[in-house]
Amino acid sequence: MTDLILATFDWVPEMPRGYVRDLRVRWALEEAGLPYRVESVPFRTRGVEHFSHQPFGQVPWLTDGDLSIFESGAILLHLGERSDALMPADPRSRSEVIEWLFAALNSVEMASLPWALFMFTGDTQETPGRKSLDKFLASRLQHLESVLAGREWLAGGFSIADIAMADVLRLVDRFDGLVDYPACRDYVARATIRPSFVKAHADQMAHFAAAD
């Protein structure tokens, strides 16, 4: 079997380290035990070759033979189709995993990412824009809280849906945004004590630190 190749930046500033989305792919690869290697692309100079793989100049992308796949959700789905450890084969369970994968990326991250970007600025003023972001995120978390209060993982066993959702929520938790949502917070804690996450996180941090 040909090794999978994960492309990520050679370096990023301190603040996003541990949250760059190649982490989601590393995590999935570790969960599945799939052989892979990491290749670096320049953070400061993104040329034609980079944009040919990732049209927005971001990371990650995954090379699997003659396939080059960008967007972390698309990569997770591709890996899920390669491993029962990431997504079950039976149609009903597979459908449920895919639903929750898309929910993490569309319904929850749509609310959490703008909120987190605002929090990164350190601006704590109660502006109308800030209140709108708070309200939007709270509406998503309230619904998710009721779901997670009754289950360990989103779709039966641990899956790519949990990798995506836990990573989305992890960024909210960075800014104490889950204080009022104990089921969400416990879910993140369960996910991030998994050895595959611990290794993926450590590997990403070491990768960027090596370039300092």
N, C-alpha and C. Protein backbone atom coordinates (compact mmCIF):
# COMPACT_ATOMS: atom_id res chain seq x y z
N MET A 1 0.84 -1.19 0.00
CA MET A 1 0.00 0.00 0.00
C MET A 1 0.88 1.25 0.00
N THR A 2 0.62 2.20 -0.89
CA THR A 2 1.38 3.43 -0.97
C THR A 2 1.04 4.32 0.22
N ASP A 3 2.08 4.91 0.81
CA ASP A 3 1.84 5.81 1.92
C ASP A 3 1.04 7.02 1.47
N LEU A 4 0.15 7.45 2.34
CA LEU A 4 -0.57 8.70 2.13
C LEU A 4 0.35 9.86 2.48
N ILE A 5 0.19 10.96 1.78
CA ILE A 5 1.05 12.13 2.02
C ILE A 5 0.16 13.29 2.46
N LEU A 6 0.42 13.78 3.64
CA LEU A 6 -0.31 14.91 4.20
C LEU A 6 0.53 16.17 4.04
N ALA A 7 -0.02 17.17 3.37
CA ALA A 7 0.68 18.44 3.16
C ALA A 7 0.17 19.47 4.16
N THR A 8 1.10 20.12 4.84
CA THR A 8 0.77 21.20 5.76
C THR A 8 1.85 22.26 5.69
N PHE A 9 1.64 23.37 6.36
CA PHE A 9 2.62 24.45 6.33
C PHE A 9 3.91 24.04 7.03
N ASP A 10 5.01 24.66 6.60
CA ASP A 10 6.28 24.42 7.26
C ASP A 10 6.37 25.13 8.61
N TRP A 11 5.56 26.18 8.78
CA TRP A 11 5.60 27.00 9.98
C TRP A 11 4.31 27.81 10.05
N VAL A 12 3.83 28.06 11.26
CA VAL A 12 2.75 29.02 11.47
C VAL A 12 3.07 29.79 12.75
N PRO A 13 2.47 30.97 12.95
CA PRO A 13 2.67 31.70 14.21
C PRO A 13 2.18 30.90 15.41
N GLU A 14 2.55 31.37 16.59
CA GLU A 14 2.24 30.64 17.82
C GLU A 14 0.74 30.44 18.02
N MET A 15 -0.06 31.47 17.79
CA MET A 15 -1.47 31.42 18.18
C MET A 15 -2.25 30.26 17.56
N PRO A 16 -2.13 29.97 16.26
CA PRO A 16 -2.93 28.87 15.70
C PRO A 16 -2.33 27.49 15.89
N ARG A 17 -1.15 27.38 16.46
CA ARG A 17 -0.55 26.06 16.62
C ARG A 17 -1.42 25.17 17.51
N GLY A 18 -1.58 23.94 17.08
CA GLY A 18 -2.47 23.03 17.78
C GLY A 18 -3.89 23.06 17.25
N TYR A 19 -4.17 24.03 16.33
CA TYR A 19 -5.51 24.16 15.78
C TYR A 19 -5.53 24.19 14.25
N VAL A 20 -4.37 24.14 13.62
CA VAL A 20 -4.33 24.05 12.16
C VAL A 20 -5.01 22.75 11.74
N ARG A 21 -5.77 22.79 10.67
CA ARG A 21 -6.69 21.69 10.39
C ARG A 21 -6.02 20.41 9.87
N ASP A 22 -4.73 20.46 9.62
CA ASP A 22 -4.08 19.18 9.34
C ASP A 22 -4.18 18.26 10.55
N LEU A 23 -4.45 18.84 11.73
CA LEU A 23 -4.62 18.02 12.93
C LEU A 23 -5.74 17.02 12.77
N ARG A 24 -6.84 17.43 12.14
CA ARG A 24 -7.98 16.53 11.93
C ARG A 24 -7.56 15.33 11.09
N VAL A 25 -6.74 15.58 10.11
CA VAL A 25 -6.29 14.50 9.22
C VAL A 25 -5.30 13.60 9.95
N ARG A 26 -4.34 14.21 10.65
CA ARG A 26 -3.40 13.41 11.44
C ARG A 26 -4.16 12.50 12.41
N TRP A 27 -5.15 13.06 13.07
CA TRP A 27 -5.94 12.32 14.06
C TRP A 27 -6.62 11.12 13.40
N ALA A 28 -7.24 11.35 12.27
CA ALA A 28 -7.93 10.26 11.57
C ALA A 28 -6.94 9.18 11.12
N LEU A 29 -5.81 9.59 10.61
CA LEU A 29 -4.81 8.64 10.15
C LEU A 29 -4.28 7.79 11.31
N GLU A 30 -4.10 8.43 12.46
CA GLU A 30 -3.64 7.69 13.63
C GLU A 30 -4.72 6.73 14.13
N GLU A 31 -5.98 7.17 14.13
CA GLU A 31 -7.08 6.30 14.56
C GLU A 31 -7.16 5.05 13.69
N ALA A 32 -6.98 5.25 12.39
CA ALA A 32 -7.12 4.14 11.45
C ALA A 32 -5.86 3.30 11.31
N GLY A 33 -4.74 3.82 11.81
CA GLY A 33 -3.47 3.10 11.65
C GLY A 33 -3.00 3.05 10.21
N LEU A 34 -3.37 4.06 9.43
CA LEU A 34 -2.95 4.10 8.02
C LEU A 34 -1.55 4.71 7.91
N PRO A 35 -0.69 4.12 7.10
CA PRO A 35 0.66 4.68 6.94
C PRO A 35 0.62 6.01 6.20
N TYR A 36 1.38 6.98 6.69
CA TYR A 36 1.40 8.29 6.04
C TYR A 36 2.70 9.02 6.37
N ARG A 37 2.97 10.03 5.60
CA ARG A 37 4.08 10.92 5.91
C ARG A 37 3.63 12.35 5.67
N VAL A 38 4.35 13.27 6.30
CA VAL A 38 3.99 14.68 6.23
C VAL A 38 5.02 15.41 5.38
N GLU A 39 4.51 16.23 4.47
CA GLU A 39 5.37 17.10 3.68
C GLU A 39 5.00 18.55 3.95
N SER A 40 6.01 19.41 3.97
CA SER A 40 5.80 20.82 4.27
C SER A 40 5.70 21.66 3.01
N VAL A 41 4.86 22.68 3.08
CA VAL A 41 4.79 23.69 2.03
C VAL A 41 5.01 25.04 2.69
N PRO A 42 5.59 26.00 1.98
CA PRO A 42 5.93 27.29 2.61
C PRO A 42 4.69 28.05 3.08
N PHE A 43 4.78 28.59 4.28
CA PHE A 43 3.71 29.42 4.82
C PHE A 43 3.74 30.82 4.20
N ARG A 44 4.93 31.34 4.01
CA ARG A 44 5.05 32.75 3.59
C ARG A 44 4.96 32.93 2.08
N THR A 45 5.33 31.93 1.32
CA THR A 45 5.29 32.05 -0.14
C THR A 45 4.48 30.89 -0.72
N ARG A 46 3.30 31.18 -1.18
CA ARG A 46 2.39 30.15 -1.68
C ARG A 46 2.28 30.32 -3.20
N GLY A 47 2.93 29.41 -3.89
CA GLY A 47 3.04 29.53 -5.33
C GLY A 47 2.00 28.76 -6.10
N VAL A 48 2.23 28.67 -7.39
CA VAL A 48 1.30 28.02 -8.31
C VAL A 48 1.05 26.57 -7.91
N GLU A 49 2.10 25.86 -7.53
CA GLU A 49 1.96 24.45 -7.15
C GLU A 49 1.02 24.30 -5.95
N HIS A 50 1.17 25.18 -4.97
CA HIS A 50 0.30 25.14 -3.80
C HIS A 50 -1.16 25.34 -4.23
N PHE A 51 -1.42 26.36 -5.02
CA PHE A 51 -2.79 26.65 -5.42
C PHE A 51 -3.38 25.59 -6.34
N SER A 52 -2.52 24.82 -6.98
CA SER A 52 -3.04 23.73 -7.81
C SER A 52 -3.62 22.61 -6.96
N HIS A 53 -3.15 22.50 -5.72
CA HIS A 53 -3.67 21.48 -4.81
C HIS A 53 -4.76 22.05 -3.90
N GLN A 54 -4.63 23.31 -3.51
CA GLN A 54 -5.57 23.93 -2.58
C GLN A 54 -5.88 25.33 -3.12
N PRO A 55 -7.01 25.49 -3.80
CA PRO A 55 -7.27 26.72 -4.55
C PRO A 55 -7.39 27.98 -3.70
N PHE A 56 -7.44 27.83 -2.36
CA PHE A 56 -7.52 29.00 -1.49
C PHE A 56 -6.20 29.28 -0.78
N GLY A 57 -5.17 28.50 -1.13
CA GLY A 57 -3.86 28.71 -0.54
C GLY A 57 -3.75 28.25 0.91
N GLN A 58 -4.65 27.36 1.31
CA GLN A 58 -4.65 26.89 2.69
C GLN A 58 -4.05 25.49 2.78
N VAL A 59 -4.13 24.92 3.97
CA VAL A 59 -3.77 23.52 4.21
C VAL A 59 -4.88 22.94 5.09
N PRO A 60 -5.00 21.61 5.11
CA PRO A 60 -4.15 20.61 4.49
C PRO A 60 -4.68 20.18 3.13
N TRP A 61 -3.88 19.35 2.47
CA TRP A 61 -4.40 18.49 1.43
C TRP A 61 -3.74 17.13 1.57
N LEU A 62 -4.36 16.14 1.01
CA LEU A 62 -3.88 14.76 1.13
C LEU A 62 -3.66 14.20 -0.26
N THR A 63 -2.51 13.56 -0.46
CA THR A 63 -2.22 12.86 -1.70
C THR A 63 -2.36 11.36 -1.44
N ASP A 64 -3.20 10.73 -2.24
CA ASP A 64 -3.43 9.29 -2.15
C ASP A 64 -3.28 8.74 -3.56
N GLY A 65 -2.08 8.25 -3.86
CA GLY A 65 -1.79 7.81 -5.21
C GLY A 65 -1.88 8.98 -6.18
N ASP A 66 -2.76 8.89 -7.17
CA ASP A 66 -2.90 9.98 -8.13
C ASP A 66 -4.02 10.94 -7.76
N LEU A 67 -4.58 10.78 -6.55
CA LEU A 67 -5.59 11.70 -6.06
C LEU A 67 -4.97 12.76 -5.16
N SER A 68 -5.43 13.99 -5.32
CA SER A 68 -5.06 15.08 -4.42
C SER A 68 -6.36 15.68 -3.90
N ILE A 69 -6.56 15.63 -2.58
CA ILE A 69 -7.84 15.99 -1.97
C ILE A 69 -7.62 17.14 -1.00
N PHE A 70 -8.38 18.23 -1.16
CA PHE A 70 -8.30 19.34 -0.22
C PHE A 70 -9.60 19.45 0.56
N GLU A 71 -9.57 20.29 1.60
CA GLU A 71 -10.64 20.48 2.58
C GLU A 71 -10.65 19.32 3.58
N SER A 72 -10.53 19.69 4.86
CA SER A 72 -10.40 18.66 5.90
C SER A 72 -11.61 17.72 5.93
N GLY A 73 -12.81 18.25 5.70
CA GLY A 73 -13.99 17.39 5.70
C GLY A 73 -13.97 16.38 4.58
N ALA A 74 -13.57 16.82 3.39
CA ALA A 74 -13.48 15.90 2.25
C ALA A 74 -12.42 14.84 2.50
N ILE A 75 -11.32 15.24 3.13
CA ILE A 75 -10.26 14.28 3.44
C ILE A 75 -10.75 13.27 4.47
N LEU A 76 -11.44 13.75 5.49
CA LEU A 76 -11.97 12.83 6.50
C LEU A 76 -12.93 11.82 5.87
N LEU A 77 -13.77 12.28 4.97
CA LEU A 77 -14.71 11.37 4.31
C LEU A 77 -13.96 10.35 3.46
N HIS A 78 -12.93 10.78 2.76
CA HIS A 78 -12.11 9.86 1.95
C HIS A 78 -11.48 8.80 2.84
N LEU A 79 -10.92 9.22 3.98
CA LEU A 79 -10.29 8.26 4.88
C LEU A 79 -11.32 7.35 5.52
N GLY A 80 -12.51 7.90 5.81
CA GLY A 80 -13.57 7.07 6.37
C GLY A 80 -13.97 5.94 5.45
N GLU A 81 -13.91 6.21 4.16
CA GLU A 81 -14.25 5.17 3.19
C GLU A 81 -13.15 4.12 3.06
N ARG A 82 -11.99 4.41 3.59
CA ARG A 82 -10.88 3.46 3.57
C ARG A 82 -10.79 2.63 4.83
N SER A 83 -11.46 3.05 5.90
CA SER A 83 -11.25 2.37 7.18
C SER A 83 -12.53 2.28 7.99
N ASP A 84 -12.88 1.06 8.41
CA ASP A 84 -14.03 0.86 9.28
C ASP A 84 -13.81 1.47 10.66
N ALA A 85 -12.55 1.76 11.01
CA ALA A 85 -12.28 2.41 12.29
C ALA A 85 -12.75 3.85 12.30
N LEU A 86 -13.00 4.41 11.12
CA LEU A 86 -13.41 5.80 11.00
C LEU A 86 -14.86 5.98 10.58
N MET A 87 -15.40 4.99 9.87
CA MET A 87 -16.79 5.06 9.42
C MET A 87 -17.28 3.65 9.13
N PRO A 88 -18.42 3.26 9.71
CA PRO A 88 -18.92 1.89 9.50
C PRO A 88 -19.36 1.69 8.05
N ALA A 89 -19.40 0.44 7.65
CA ALA A 89 -19.72 0.12 6.25
C ALA A 89 -21.21 0.03 5.98
N ASP A 90 -22.02 -0.30 7.00
CA ASP A 90 -23.44 -0.49 6.70
C ASP A 90 -24.10 0.86 6.38
N PRO A 91 -25.00 0.89 5.42
CA PRO A 91 -25.52 2.15 4.88
C PRO A 91 -26.16 3.06 5.92
N ARG A 92 -26.94 2.52 6.84
CA ARG A 92 -27.63 3.37 7.82
C ARG A 92 -26.63 4.07 8.74
N SER A 93 -25.68 3.32 9.26
CA SER A 93 -24.69 3.90 10.16
C SER A 93 -23.77 4.87 9.41
N ARG A 94 -23.41 4.52 8.19
CA ARG A 94 -22.57 5.39 7.36
C ARG A 94 -23.28 6.72 7.11
N SER A 95 -24.57 6.65 6.82
CA SER A 95 -25.34 7.86 6.57
C SER A 95 -25.37 8.77 7.80
N GLU A 96 -25.49 8.16 8.96
CA GLU A 96 -25.54 8.95 10.20
C GLU A 96 -24.21 9.64 10.45
N VAL A 97 -23.11 8.93 10.21
CA VAL A 97 -21.78 9.54 10.36
C VAL A 97 -21.64 10.73 9.41
N ILE A 98 -22.03 10.55 8.17
CA ILE A 98 -21.90 11.63 7.19
C ILE A 98 -22.75 12.83 7.58
N GLU A 99 -23.98 12.58 8.06
CA GLU A 99 -24.84 13.67 8.53
C GLU A 99 -24.13 14.50 9.59
N TRP A 100 -23.56 13.83 10.57
CA TRP A 100 -22.93 14.56 11.67
C TRP A 100 -21.61 15.19 11.26
N LEU A 101 -20.92 14.60 10.31
CA LEU A 101 -19.71 15.24 9.77
C LEU A 101 -20.08 16.59 9.15
N PHE A 102 -21.13 16.59 8.33
CA PHE A 102 -21.56 17.83 7.70
C PHE A 102 -22.14 18.81 8.73
N ALA A 103 -22.79 18.30 9.74
CA ALA A 103 -23.32 19.17 10.80
C ALA A 103 -22.19 19.89 11.52
N ALA A 104 -21.09 19.16 11.78
CA ALA A 104 -19.95 19.79 12.44
C ALA A 104 -19.39 20.93 11.61
N LEU A 105 -19.27 20.69 10.31
CA LEU A 105 -18.62 21.67 9.43
C LEU A 105 -19.54 22.79 9.00
N ASN A 106 -20.84 22.50 8.86
CA ASN A 106 -21.77 23.50 8.35
C ASN A 106 -22.58 24.17 9.46
N SER A 107 -23.23 23.39 10.30
CA SER A 107 -24.10 23.99 11.31
C SER A 107 -23.33 24.56 12.50
N VAL A 108 -22.32 23.83 12.99
CA VAL A 108 -21.63 24.27 14.21
C VAL A 108 -20.44 25.16 13.89
N GLU A 109 -19.57 24.73 12.97
CA GLU A 109 -18.40 25.56 12.68
C GLU A 109 -18.79 26.87 12.02
N MET A 110 -19.91 26.90 11.32
CA MET A 110 -20.40 28.16 10.74
C MET A 110 -20.62 29.21 11.82
N ALA A 111 -21.04 28.75 13.00
CA ALA A 111 -21.25 29.66 14.12
C ALA A 111 -20.00 29.86 14.96
N SER A 112 -19.23 28.79 15.14
CA SER A 112 -18.10 28.86 16.07
C SER A 112 -16.89 29.60 15.51
N LEU A 113 -16.63 29.45 14.21
CA LEU A 113 -15.41 30.06 13.67
C LEU A 113 -15.45 31.59 13.67
N PRO A 114 -16.53 32.23 13.21
CA PRO A 114 -16.56 33.70 13.30
C PRO A 114 -16.43 34.17 14.75
N TRP A 115 -17.08 33.47 15.66
CA TRP A 115 -16.98 33.81 17.09
C TRP A 115 -15.55 33.69 17.57
N ALA A 116 -14.87 32.60 17.21
CA ALA A 116 -13.49 32.39 17.65
C ALA A 116 -12.55 33.42 17.05
N LEU A 117 -12.75 33.77 15.80
CA LEU A 117 -11.91 34.80 15.17
C LEU A 117 -12.07 36.13 15.90
N PHE A 118 -13.28 36.43 16.32
CA PHE A 118 -13.53 37.63 17.10
C PHE A 118 -12.78 37.55 18.43
N MET A 119 -12.83 36.40 19.08
CA MET A 119 -12.16 36.22 20.36
C MET A 119 -10.65 36.33 20.23
N PHE A 120 -10.10 35.88 19.10
CA PHE A 120 -8.66 35.98 18.88
C PHE A 120 -8.19 37.43 18.94
N THR A 121 -9.05 38.38 18.58
CA THR A 121 -8.65 39.79 18.56
C THR A 121 -8.49 40.35 19.96
N GLY A 122 -9.13 39.70 20.94
CA GLY A 122 -9.06 40.19 22.30
C GLY A 122 -9.98 41.36 22.58
N ASP A 123 -10.84 41.69 21.63
CA ASP A 123 -11.78 42.80 21.79
C ASP A 123 -13.00 42.30 22.57
N THR A 124 -13.20 42.81 23.77
CA THR A 124 -14.29 42.33 24.63
C THR A 124 -15.48 43.29 24.67
N GLN A 125 -15.48 44.29 23.81
CA GLN A 125 -16.59 45.24 23.80
C GLN A 125 -17.89 44.55 23.39
N GLU A 126 -18.97 44.91 24.07
CA GLU A 126 -20.28 44.32 23.79
C GLU A 126 -20.95 45.07 22.63
N THR A 127 -20.40 44.92 21.46
CA THR A 127 -20.96 45.56 20.28
C THR A 127 -22.13 44.74 19.75
N PRO A 128 -22.99 45.32 18.91
CA PRO A 128 -24.07 44.53 18.31
C PRO A 128 -23.56 43.33 17.53
N GLY A 129 -22.43 43.50 16.84
CA GLY A 129 -21.85 42.37 16.10
C GLY A 129 -21.43 41.25 17.01
N ARG A 130 -20.79 41.59 18.12
CA ARG A 130 -20.36 40.58 19.09
C ARG A 130 -21.56 39.87 19.69
N LYS A 131 -22.60 40.60 20.03
CA LYS A 131 -23.80 39.99 20.60
C LYS A 131 -24.46 39.03 19.62
N SER A 132 -24.44 39.39 18.35
CA SER A 132 -25.02 38.52 17.33
C SER A 132 -24.25 37.22 17.22
N LEU A 133 -22.92 37.32 17.27
CA LEU A 133 -22.09 36.11 17.20
C LEU A 133 -22.32 35.23 18.42
N ASP A 134 -22.40 35.85 19.59
CA ASP A 134 -22.66 35.09 20.82
C ASP A 134 -23.99 34.34 20.73
N LYS A 135 -25.00 35.04 20.25
CA LYS A 135 -26.33 34.45 20.17
C LYS A 135 -26.37 33.31 19.16
N PHE A 136 -25.71 33.49 18.02
CA PHE A 136 -25.69 32.46 16.99
C PHE A 136 -25.00 31.20 17.50
N LEU A 137 -23.85 31.37 18.14
CA LEU A 137 -23.13 30.22 18.68
C LEU A 137 -23.94 29.54 19.78
N ALA A 138 -24.54 30.33 20.66
CA ALA A 138 -25.32 29.75 21.75
C ALA A 138 -26.47 28.90 21.22
N SER A 139 -27.11 29.35 20.16
CA SER A 139 -28.23 28.57 19.61
C SER A 139 -27.76 27.22 19.12
N ARG A 140 -26.59 27.16 18.51
CA ARG A 140 -26.05 25.88 18.03
C ARG A 140 -25.65 24.99 19.20
N LEU A 141 -24.99 25.57 20.20
CA LEU A 141 -24.51 24.77 21.33
C LEU A 141 -25.67 24.24 22.17
N GLN A 142 -26.73 25.01 22.29
CA GLN A 142 -27.88 24.54 23.06
C GLN A 142 -28.47 23.27 22.45
N HIS A 143 -28.59 23.25 21.14
CA HIS A 143 -29.13 22.07 20.47
C HIS A 143 -28.16 20.89 20.59
N LEU A 144 -26.87 21.18 20.42
CA LEU A 144 -25.87 20.11 20.49
C LEU A 144 -25.76 19.55 21.90
N GLU A 145 -25.92 20.41 22.89
CA GLU A 145 -25.87 19.99 24.28
C GLU A 145 -26.90 18.91 24.56
N SER A 146 -28.11 19.09 24.05
CA SER A 146 -29.16 18.11 24.30
C SER A 146 -28.86 16.77 23.61
N VAL A 147 -28.19 16.83 22.47
CA VAL A 147 -27.80 15.60 21.78
C VAL A 147 -26.71 14.87 22.56
N LEU A 148 -25.68 15.58 22.95
CA LEU A 148 -24.53 14.96 23.59
C LEU A 148 -24.80 14.54 25.02
N ALA A 149 -25.83 15.08 25.61
CA ALA A 149 -26.19 14.66 26.97
C ALA A 149 -26.64 13.21 27.01
N GLY A 150 -27.05 12.67 25.87
CA GLY A 150 -27.59 11.32 25.85
C GLY A 150 -26.75 10.30 25.11
N ARG A 151 -25.54 10.67 24.71
CA ARG A 151 -24.72 9.70 23.96
C ARG A 151 -23.23 9.97 24.17
N GLU A 152 -22.44 8.93 23.99
CA GLU A 152 -20.99 9.08 24.13
C GLU A 152 -20.39 9.72 22.89
N TRP A 153 -20.79 9.19 21.71
CA TRP A 153 -20.31 9.70 20.43
C TRP A 153 -21.51 10.02 19.55
N LEU A 154 -21.29 10.74 18.50
CA LEU A 154 -22.40 11.25 17.70
C LEU A 154 -23.19 10.19 16.96
N ALA A 155 -22.50 9.20 16.45
CA ALA A 155 -23.17 8.22 15.57
C ALA A 155 -22.75 6.81 15.93
N GLY A 156 -23.10 6.38 17.12
CA GLY A 156 -22.69 5.04 17.57
C GLY A 156 -21.28 5.07 18.10
N GLY A 157 -20.37 4.35 17.41
CA GLY A 157 -18.97 4.36 17.81
C GLY A 157 -18.25 5.61 17.35
N PHE A 158 -17.05 5.81 17.86
CA PHE A 158 -16.23 6.95 17.47
C PHE A 158 -16.00 6.93 15.96
N SER A 159 -16.05 8.10 15.33
CA SER A 159 -15.95 8.17 13.87
C SER A 159 -15.37 9.50 13.42
N ILE A 160 -15.26 9.66 12.11
CA ILE A 160 -14.80 10.93 11.55
C ILE A 160 -15.72 12.09 11.95
N ALA A 161 -16.98 11.81 12.21
CA ALA A 161 -17.88 12.87 12.67
C ALA A 161 -17.41 13.43 14.00
N ASP A 162 -16.91 12.57 14.87
CA ASP A 162 -16.42 13.02 16.17
C ASP A 162 -15.10 13.77 16.05
N ILE A 163 -14.26 13.35 15.12
CA ILE A 163 -13.02 14.09 14.90
C ILE A 163 -13.33 15.52 14.50
N ALA A 164 -14.24 15.69 13.56
CA ALA A 164 -14.59 17.04 13.11
C ALA A 164 -15.28 17.83 14.22
N MET A 165 -16.29 17.25 14.85
CA MET A 165 -17.06 18.00 15.85
C MET A 165 -16.21 18.32 17.08
N ALA A 166 -15.43 17.39 17.55
CA ALA A 166 -14.60 17.66 18.72
C ALA A 166 -13.58 18.74 18.43
N ASP A 167 -13.04 18.76 17.22
CA ASP A 167 -12.07 19.79 16.88
C ASP A 167 -12.74 21.15 16.77
N VAL A 168 -13.93 21.19 16.22
CA VAL A 168 -14.68 22.44 16.16
C VAL A 168 -14.96 22.96 17.58
N LEU A 169 -15.41 22.10 18.45
CA LEU A 169 -15.73 22.51 19.81
C LEU A 169 -14.50 22.84 20.64
N ARG A 170 -13.40 22.19 20.30
CA ARG A 170 -12.15 22.43 21.03
C ARG A 170 -11.72 23.90 20.91
N LEU A 171 -11.93 24.49 19.75
CA LEU A 171 -11.58 25.89 19.56
C LEU A 171 -12.49 26.79 20.40
N VAL A 172 -13.76 26.44 20.51
CA VAL A 172 -14.68 27.20 21.37
C VAL A 172 -14.22 27.09 22.83
N ASP A 173 -13.83 25.89 23.23
CA ASP A 173 -13.40 25.66 24.60
C ASP A 173 -12.12 26.41 24.92
N ARG A 174 -11.32 26.67 23.93
CA ARG A 174 -10.08 27.44 24.13
C ARG A 174 -10.39 28.79 24.76
N PHE A 175 -11.53 29.37 24.41
CA PHE A 175 -11.95 30.67 24.93
C PHE A 175 -13.07 30.54 25.97
N ASP A 176 -13.13 29.37 26.62
CA ASP A 176 -14.11 29.10 27.68
C ASP A 176 -15.55 29.24 27.20
N GLY A 177 -15.77 28.96 25.93
CA GLY A 177 -17.10 29.09 25.39
C GLY A 177 -18.02 27.92 25.69
N LEU A 178 -17.50 26.89 26.34
CA LEU A 178 -18.33 25.72 26.67
C LEU A 178 -18.66 25.65 28.16
N VAL A 179 -18.39 26.72 28.89
CA VAL A 179 -18.61 26.71 30.34
C VAL A 179 -20.04 26.35 30.69
N ASP A 180 -20.98 26.83 29.92
CA ASP A 180 -22.40 26.59 30.21
C ASP A 180 -22.95 25.35 29.50
N TYR A 181 -22.05 24.55 28.91
CA TYR A 181 -22.48 23.38 28.14
C TYR A 181 -21.65 22.16 28.58
N PRO A 182 -21.97 21.60 29.75
CA PRO A 182 -21.13 20.53 30.31
C PRO A 182 -21.07 19.28 29.44
N ALA A 183 -22.15 18.93 28.75
CA ALA A 183 -22.11 17.74 27.90
C ALA A 183 -21.15 17.95 26.73
N CYS A 184 -21.15 19.14 26.17
CA CYS A 184 -20.22 19.46 25.08
C CYS A 184 -18.78 19.43 25.58
N ARG A 185 -18.59 19.98 26.77
CA ARG A 185 -17.23 20.04 27.32
C ARG A 185 -16.72 18.63 27.64
N ASP A 186 -17.58 17.80 28.22
CA ASP A 186 -17.19 16.42 28.53
C ASP A 186 -16.88 15.65 27.25
N TYR A 187 -17.65 15.92 26.22
CA TYR A 187 -17.43 15.26 24.92
C TYR A 187 -16.05 15.61 24.38
N VAL A 188 -15.68 16.88 24.42
CA VAL A 188 -14.35 17.28 23.97
C VAL A 188 -13.28 16.59 24.81
N ALA A 189 -13.49 16.52 26.11
CA ALA A 189 -12.51 15.87 26.98
C ALA A 189 -12.36 14.40 26.63
N ARG A 190 -13.47 13.70 26.37
CA ARG A 190 -13.40 12.28 25.99
C ARG A 190 -12.61 12.10 24.70
N ALA A 191 -12.88 12.98 23.76
CA ALA A 191 -12.23 12.84 22.46
C ALA A 191 -10.74 13.13 22.53
N THR A 192 -10.37 14.14 23.29
CA THR A 192 -8.97 14.58 23.27
C THR A 192 -8.06 13.82 24.21
N ILE A 193 -8.61 12.87 24.98
CA ILE A 193 -7.73 11.98 25.73
C ILE A 193 -7.42 10.71 24.94
N ARG A 194 -8.01 10.56 23.78
CA ARG A 194 -7.72 9.40 22.95
C ARG A 194 -6.25 9.46 22.52
N PRO A 195 -5.53 8.35 22.59
CA PRO A 195 -4.11 8.36 22.22
C PRO A 195 -3.84 8.91 20.82
N SER A 196 -4.76 8.67 19.91
CA SER A 196 -4.56 9.15 18.54
C SER A 196 -4.58 10.68 18.48
N PHE A 197 -5.45 11.31 19.26
CA PHE A 197 -5.45 12.77 19.31
C PHE A 197 -4.17 13.28 19.97
N VAL A 198 -3.82 12.68 21.09
CA VAL A 198 -2.62 13.12 21.82
C VAL A 198 -1.40 13.09 20.92
N LYS A 199 -1.25 12.02 20.15
CA LYS A 199 -0.10 11.92 19.25
C LYS A 199 -0.20 12.93 18.11
N ALA A 200 -1.39 13.05 17.53
CA ALA A 200 -1.56 13.99 16.42
C ALA A 200 -1.26 15.42 16.85
N HIS A 201 -1.74 15.80 18.01
CA HIS A 201 -1.51 17.14 18.53
C HIS A 201 -0.03 17.37 18.80
N ALA A 202 0.61 16.41 19.46
CA ALA A 202 2.04 16.54 19.76
C ALA A 202 2.86 16.62 18.48
N ASP A 203 2.50 15.82 17.49
CA ASP A 203 3.22 15.84 16.23
C ASP A 203 3.08 17.18 15.52
N GLN A 204 1.86 17.75 15.54
CA GLN A 204 1.70 19.05 14.90
C GLN A 204 2.52 20.12 15.61
N MET A 205 2.47 20.13 16.92
CA MET A 205 3.22 21.13 17.68
C MET A 205 4.72 21.00 17.42
N ALA A 206 5.21 19.77 17.39
CA ALA A 206 6.63 19.55 17.13
C ALA A 206 7.02 19.96 15.72
N HIS A 207 6.13 19.71 14.77
CA HIS A 207 6.38 20.07 13.38
C HIS A 207 6.61 21.57 13.21
N PHE A 208 5.74 22.37 13.81
CA PHE A 208 5.89 23.81 13.68
C PHE A 208 7.03 24.35 14.53
N ALA A 209 7.25 23.76 15.71
CA ALA A 209 8.34 24.21 16.57
C ALA A 209 9.69 23.96 15.93
N ALA A 210 9.79 22.90 15.15
CA ALA A 210 11.07 22.57 14.50
C ALA A 210 11.50 23.63 13.51
N ALA A 211 10.56 24.43 13.02
CA ALA A 211 10.88 25.46 12.03
C ALA A 211 11.22 26.81 12.67
N ASP A 212 11.06 26.93 13.99
CA ASP A 212 11.35 28.21 14.66
C ASP A 212 12.85 28.54 14.60
